[in-house]
Amino acid sequence: MSGMSDDVRYETSEWAARRGAPIGRYSFPDALIRWGVVSTREQAEYALLGVSGVAIVIALFFMRGAFSSSTNTDPNKENQARLMEESLGSQWQVR
C-alpha cells in the first residue's frame, strides 16, 4: 500500500459528526421537527418516549383482558362441587 495517504477525510456536517447521527438515514425525531410537531430534537425524543409509554399501557390493558375471562377459570372447582354433592348425597341415602 505504498503511495496511499493515511489521512482519510469524510464530508460530514458538524451536527451529524457531533450527534453521531448516520448521514442520509431517516430519523423519526428529525421528521417530527420537519413536520412541525415539535421544535427541537429533545422535544421530539420526549414525544416519542411518551408515545411508546402510552403504547405499552394500551398493550398491558389488552393483555389483561386477554388473560382474564368471565367464565370459570378453575375447571376443578365445578368438578369438586359435583363430587361433594355426590358424596354427601350417598351418606344420606337409606341403605
N, C-alpha and C. Protein backbone atom coordinates (compact mmCIF):
# COMPACT_ATOMS: atom_id res chain seq x y z
N MET A 1 0.82 -1.19 0.00
CA MET A 1 0.00 0.00 0.00
C MET A 1 0.86 1.25 0.00
N SER A 2 1.90 1.18 -0.68
CA SER A 2 2.77 2.35 -0.73
C SER A 2 2.13 3.41 -1.62
N GLY A 3 2.36 4.63 -1.26
CA GLY A 3 1.82 5.73 -2.04
C GLY A 3 0.43 6.17 -1.62
N MET A 4 -0.22 5.45 -0.68
CA MET A 4 -1.56 5.83 -0.24
C MET A 4 -1.45 6.72 0.98
N SER A 5 -2.32 7.65 1.06
CA SER A 5 -2.32 8.58 2.17
C SER A 5 -3.09 7.97 3.35
N ASP A 6 -2.54 8.12 4.54
CA ASP A 6 -3.22 7.64 5.74
C ASP A 6 -4.27 8.63 6.22
N ASP A 7 -4.26 9.81 5.65
CA ASP A 7 -5.20 10.86 6.09
C ASP A 7 -6.48 10.74 5.26
N VAL A 8 -7.51 10.12 5.85
CA VAL A 8 -8.79 9.94 5.17
C VAL A 8 -9.76 10.96 5.75
N ARG A 9 -10.43 11.70 4.89
CA ARG A 9 -11.38 12.71 5.36
C ARG A 9 -12.75 12.42 4.73
N TYR A 10 -13.76 12.54 5.54
CA TYR A 10 -15.15 12.36 5.09
C TYR A 10 -15.86 13.68 5.20
N GLU A 11 -16.74 13.92 4.24
CA GLU A 11 -17.52 15.14 4.29
C GLU A 11 -18.76 14.89 5.12
N THR A 12 -18.83 15.51 6.26
CA THR A 12 -19.99 15.38 7.14
C THR A 12 -20.36 16.75 7.66
N SER A 13 -21.59 16.86 8.03
CA SER A 13 -21.99 18.11 8.64
C SER A 13 -21.51 18.11 10.10
N GLU A 14 -21.32 19.28 10.63
CA GLU A 14 -20.86 19.39 12.02
C GLU A 14 -21.88 18.78 12.97
N TRP A 15 -23.15 18.98 12.69
CA TRP A 15 -24.21 18.45 13.56
C TRP A 15 -24.19 16.92 13.56
N ALA A 16 -24.07 16.30 12.38
CA ALA A 16 -24.06 14.84 12.28
C ALA A 16 -22.83 14.27 12.97
N ALA A 17 -21.71 14.91 12.83
CA ALA A 17 -20.50 14.42 13.46
C ALA A 17 -20.59 14.53 14.98
N ARG A 18 -21.19 15.61 15.45
CA ARG A 18 -21.30 15.82 16.89
C ARG A 18 -22.31 14.87 17.51
N ARG A 19 -23.44 14.65 16.87
CA ARG A 19 -24.51 13.82 17.42
C ARG A 19 -24.31 12.34 17.12
N GLY A 20 -23.39 12.02 16.22
CA GLY A 20 -23.20 10.63 15.86
C GLY A 20 -24.32 10.10 14.99
N ALA A 21 -25.06 11.00 14.35
CA ALA A 21 -26.18 10.59 13.51
C ALA A 21 -25.67 10.06 12.19
N PRO A 22 -26.22 8.95 11.73
CA PRO A 22 -25.80 8.44 10.42
C PRO A 22 -26.25 9.38 9.31
N ILE A 23 -25.41 9.56 8.35
CA ILE A 23 -25.69 10.50 7.27
C ILE A 23 -26.59 9.83 6.24
N GLY A 24 -27.61 10.54 5.82
CA GLY A 24 -28.50 10.04 4.79
C GLY A 24 -29.51 9.02 5.27
N ARG A 25 -29.63 8.80 6.54
CA ARG A 25 -30.58 7.84 7.07
C ARG A 25 -31.79 8.58 7.61
N TYR A 26 -32.93 7.92 7.59
CA TYR A 26 -34.18 8.51 8.06
C TYR A 26 -34.16 8.55 9.58
N SER A 27 -34.50 9.68 10.15
CA SER A 27 -34.55 9.84 11.59
C SER A 27 -35.95 10.35 11.95
N PHE A 28 -36.66 9.60 12.77
CA PHE A 28 -38.02 9.99 13.12
C PHE A 28 -38.07 11.29 13.92
N PRO A 29 -37.16 11.52 14.88
CA PRO A 29 -37.17 12.83 15.55
C PRO A 29 -36.98 13.99 14.57
N ASP A 30 -36.11 13.79 13.58
CA ASP A 30 -35.92 14.85 12.58
C ASP A 30 -37.18 15.05 11.75
N ALA A 31 -37.88 13.97 11.47
CA ALA A 31 -39.13 14.08 10.71
C ALA A 31 -40.17 14.85 11.52
N LEU A 32 -40.24 14.61 12.83
CA LEU A 32 -41.20 15.36 13.66
C LEU A 32 -40.89 16.85 13.64
N ILE A 33 -39.61 17.18 13.61
CA ILE A 33 -39.24 18.60 13.53
C ILE A 33 -39.62 19.17 12.17
N ARG A 34 -39.34 18.42 11.09
CA ARG A 34 -39.71 18.89 9.74
C ARG A 34 -41.21 19.07 9.60
N TRP A 35 -42.00 18.18 10.19
CA TRP A 35 -43.45 18.25 10.10
C TRP A 35 -44.03 19.35 10.98
N GLY A 36 -43.23 19.92 11.86
CA GLY A 36 -43.69 21.00 12.72
C GLY A 36 -44.40 20.53 13.98
N VAL A 37 -44.28 19.25 14.31
CA VAL A 37 -44.92 18.73 15.52
C VAL A 37 -44.20 19.25 16.76
N VAL A 38 -42.87 19.28 16.70
CA VAL A 38 -42.05 19.80 17.81
C VAL A 38 -41.01 20.74 17.21
N SER A 39 -40.33 21.49 18.08
CA SER A 39 -39.37 22.45 17.56
C SER A 39 -37.92 22.05 17.79
N THR A 40 -37.65 21.18 18.74
CA THR A 40 -36.27 20.75 18.99
C THR A 40 -36.19 19.22 19.00
N ARG A 41 -34.97 18.72 18.82
CA ARG A 41 -34.76 17.27 18.83
C ARG A 41 -35.07 16.69 20.21
N GLU A 42 -34.74 17.43 21.25
CA GLU A 42 -35.03 16.96 22.61
C GLU A 42 -36.53 16.78 22.82
N GLN A 43 -37.33 17.74 22.36
CA GLN A 43 -38.78 17.62 22.46
C GLN A 43 -39.28 16.41 21.66
N ALA A 44 -38.69 16.19 20.50
CA ALA A 44 -39.08 15.05 19.66
C ALA A 44 -38.80 13.74 20.37
N GLU A 45 -37.64 13.65 21.03
CA GLU A 45 -37.29 12.43 21.75
C GLU A 45 -38.25 12.20 22.92
N TYR A 46 -38.60 13.26 23.64
CA TYR A 46 -39.56 13.12 24.74
C TYR A 46 -40.95 12.74 24.21
N ALA A 47 -41.32 13.29 23.06
CA ALA A 47 -42.62 12.95 22.47
C ALA A 47 -42.65 11.47 22.10
N LEU A 48 -41.59 10.98 21.49
CA LEU A 48 -41.52 9.56 21.12
C LEU A 48 -41.50 8.67 22.36
N LEU A 49 -40.85 9.11 23.40
CA LEU A 49 -40.83 8.36 24.65
C LEU A 49 -42.25 8.29 25.24
N GLY A 50 -42.97 9.39 25.18
CA GLY A 50 -44.35 9.41 25.66
C GLY A 50 -45.26 8.50 24.84
N VAL A 51 -45.09 8.53 23.53
CA VAL A 51 -45.91 7.68 22.65
C VAL A 51 -45.64 6.21 22.95
N SER A 52 -44.37 5.86 23.15
CA SER A 52 -44.05 4.46 23.45
C SER A 52 -44.60 4.06 24.82
N GLY A 53 -44.59 4.97 25.79
CA GLY A 53 -45.19 4.68 27.10
C GLY A 53 -46.68 4.42 27.01
N VAL A 54 -47.37 5.24 26.23
CA VAL A 54 -48.81 5.05 26.05
C VAL A 54 -49.08 3.72 25.33
N ALA A 55 -48.26 3.38 24.37
CA ALA A 55 -48.43 2.11 23.64
C ALA A 55 -48.24 0.92 24.58
N ILE A 56 -47.30 1.01 25.51
CA ILE A 56 -47.10 -0.07 26.48
C ILE A 56 -48.29 -0.20 27.40
N VAL A 57 -48.83 0.92 27.86
CA VAL A 57 -50.00 0.88 28.75
C VAL A 57 -51.20 0.26 28.02
N ILE A 58 -51.42 0.64 26.78
CA ILE A 58 -52.53 0.08 25.99
C ILE A 58 -52.33 -1.42 25.79
N ALA A 59 -51.10 -1.83 25.49
CA ALA A 59 -50.82 -3.25 25.30
C ALA A 59 -51.08 -4.03 26.59
N LEU A 60 -50.67 -3.49 27.72
CA LEU A 60 -50.92 -4.16 29.00
C LEU A 60 -52.41 -4.24 29.30
N PHE A 61 -53.16 -3.21 28.94
CA PHE A 61 -54.60 -3.22 29.15
C PHE A 61 -55.25 -4.34 28.35
N PHE A 62 -54.87 -4.48 27.08
CA PHE A 62 -55.45 -5.53 26.25
C PHE A 62 -54.98 -6.92 26.68
N MET A 63 -53.73 -7.02 27.14
CA MET A 63 -53.24 -8.31 27.61
C MET A 63 -53.97 -8.75 28.87
N ARG A 64 -54.29 -7.80 29.75
CA ARG A 64 -55.04 -8.12 30.96
C ARG A 64 -56.40 -8.67 30.59
N GLY A 65 -57.02 -8.09 29.60
CA GLY A 65 -58.33 -8.56 29.15
C GLY A 65 -58.25 -9.91 28.46
N ALA A 66 -57.13 -10.20 27.82
CA ALA A 66 -56.99 -11.47 27.11
C ALA A 66 -56.75 -12.62 28.08
N PHE A 67 -56.08 -12.35 29.20
CA PHE A 67 -55.74 -13.42 30.11
C PHE A 67 -56.77 -13.63 31.21
N SER A 68 -57.70 -12.73 31.36
CA SER A 68 -58.76 -12.93 32.35
C SER A 68 -60.07 -13.09 31.59
N SER A 69 -60.89 -13.99 32.06
CA SER A 69 -62.15 -14.20 31.37
C SER A 69 -63.27 -14.25 32.40
N SER A 70 -64.48 -14.05 31.93
CA SER A 70 -65.63 -14.07 32.82
C SER A 70 -66.14 -15.48 33.07
N THR A 71 -65.62 -16.44 32.31
CA THR A 71 -66.03 -17.83 32.51
C THR A 71 -65.26 -18.43 33.68
N ASN A 72 -65.65 -19.61 34.08
CA ASN A 72 -65.00 -20.29 35.18
C ASN A 72 -63.55 -20.60 34.80
N THR A 73 -62.61 -20.05 35.54
CA THR A 73 -61.21 -20.25 35.21
C THR A 73 -60.65 -21.51 35.86
N ASP A 74 -61.36 -22.06 36.84
CA ASP A 74 -60.89 -23.27 37.52
C ASP A 74 -61.83 -24.42 37.22
N PRO A 75 -61.50 -25.26 36.26
CA PRO A 75 -62.42 -26.34 35.90
C PRO A 75 -62.58 -27.35 37.03
N ASN A 76 -61.61 -27.45 37.92
CA ASN A 76 -61.71 -28.38 39.04
C ASN A 76 -62.73 -27.94 40.07
N LYS A 77 -63.00 -26.65 40.15
CA LYS A 77 -63.97 -26.14 41.13
C LYS A 77 -65.36 -26.72 40.87
N GLU A 78 -65.73 -26.77 39.60
CA GLU A 78 -67.03 -27.33 39.25
C GLU A 78 -67.07 -28.83 39.55
N ASN A 79 -65.99 -29.52 39.22
CA ASN A 79 -65.92 -30.95 39.50
C ASN A 79 -65.93 -31.23 40.99
N GLN A 80 -65.26 -30.39 41.77
CA GLN A 80 -65.24 -30.57 43.21
C GLN A 80 -66.63 -30.40 43.80
N ALA A 81 -67.37 -29.43 43.32
CA ALA A 81 -68.72 -29.21 43.82
C ALA A 81 -69.62 -30.40 43.47
N ARG A 82 -69.51 -30.92 42.28
CA ARG A 82 -70.30 -32.07 41.88
C ARG A 82 -69.95 -33.30 42.71
N LEU A 83 -68.66 -33.54 42.91
CA LEU A 83 -68.23 -34.68 43.73
C LEU A 83 -68.68 -34.54 45.18
N MET A 84 -68.68 -33.33 45.69
CA MET A 84 -69.11 -33.09 47.07
C MET A 84 -70.60 -33.41 47.21
N GLU A 85 -71.39 -32.97 46.23
CA GLU A 85 -72.83 -33.27 46.29
C GLU A 85 -73.07 -34.78 46.21
N GLU A 86 -72.33 -35.45 45.34
CA GLU A 86 -72.50 -36.89 45.20
C GLU A 86 -72.10 -37.63 46.48
N SER A 87 -71.02 -37.20 47.12
CA SER A 87 -70.57 -37.90 48.33
C SER A 87 -71.50 -37.61 49.50
N LEU A 88 -71.99 -36.39 49.61
CA LEU A 88 -72.93 -36.07 50.70
C LEU A 88 -74.26 -36.74 50.45
N GLY A 89 -74.65 -36.80 49.20
CA GLY A 89 -75.92 -37.42 48.86
C GLY A 89 -75.91 -38.91 49.17
N SER A 90 -74.77 -39.56 48.97
CA SER A 90 -74.70 -41.00 49.22
C SER A 90 -74.72 -41.29 50.72
N GLN A 91 -74.30 -40.36 51.56
CA GLN A 91 -74.34 -40.57 53.01
C GLN A 91 -75.78 -40.54 53.53
N TRP A 92 -76.63 -39.79 52.91
CA TRP A 92 -77.99 -39.61 53.40
C TRP A 92 -78.97 -40.61 52.78
N GLN A 93 -78.47 -41.42 51.90
CA GLN A 93 -79.38 -42.39 51.29
C GLN A 93 -79.66 -43.53 52.27
N VAL A 94 -80.87 -44.04 52.19
CA VAL A 94 -81.25 -45.14 53.04
C VAL A 94 -80.73 -46.42 52.41
N ARG A 95 -80.05 -47.22 53.20
CA ARG A 95 -79.49 -48.46 52.66
C ARG A 95 -80.27 -49.64 53.11
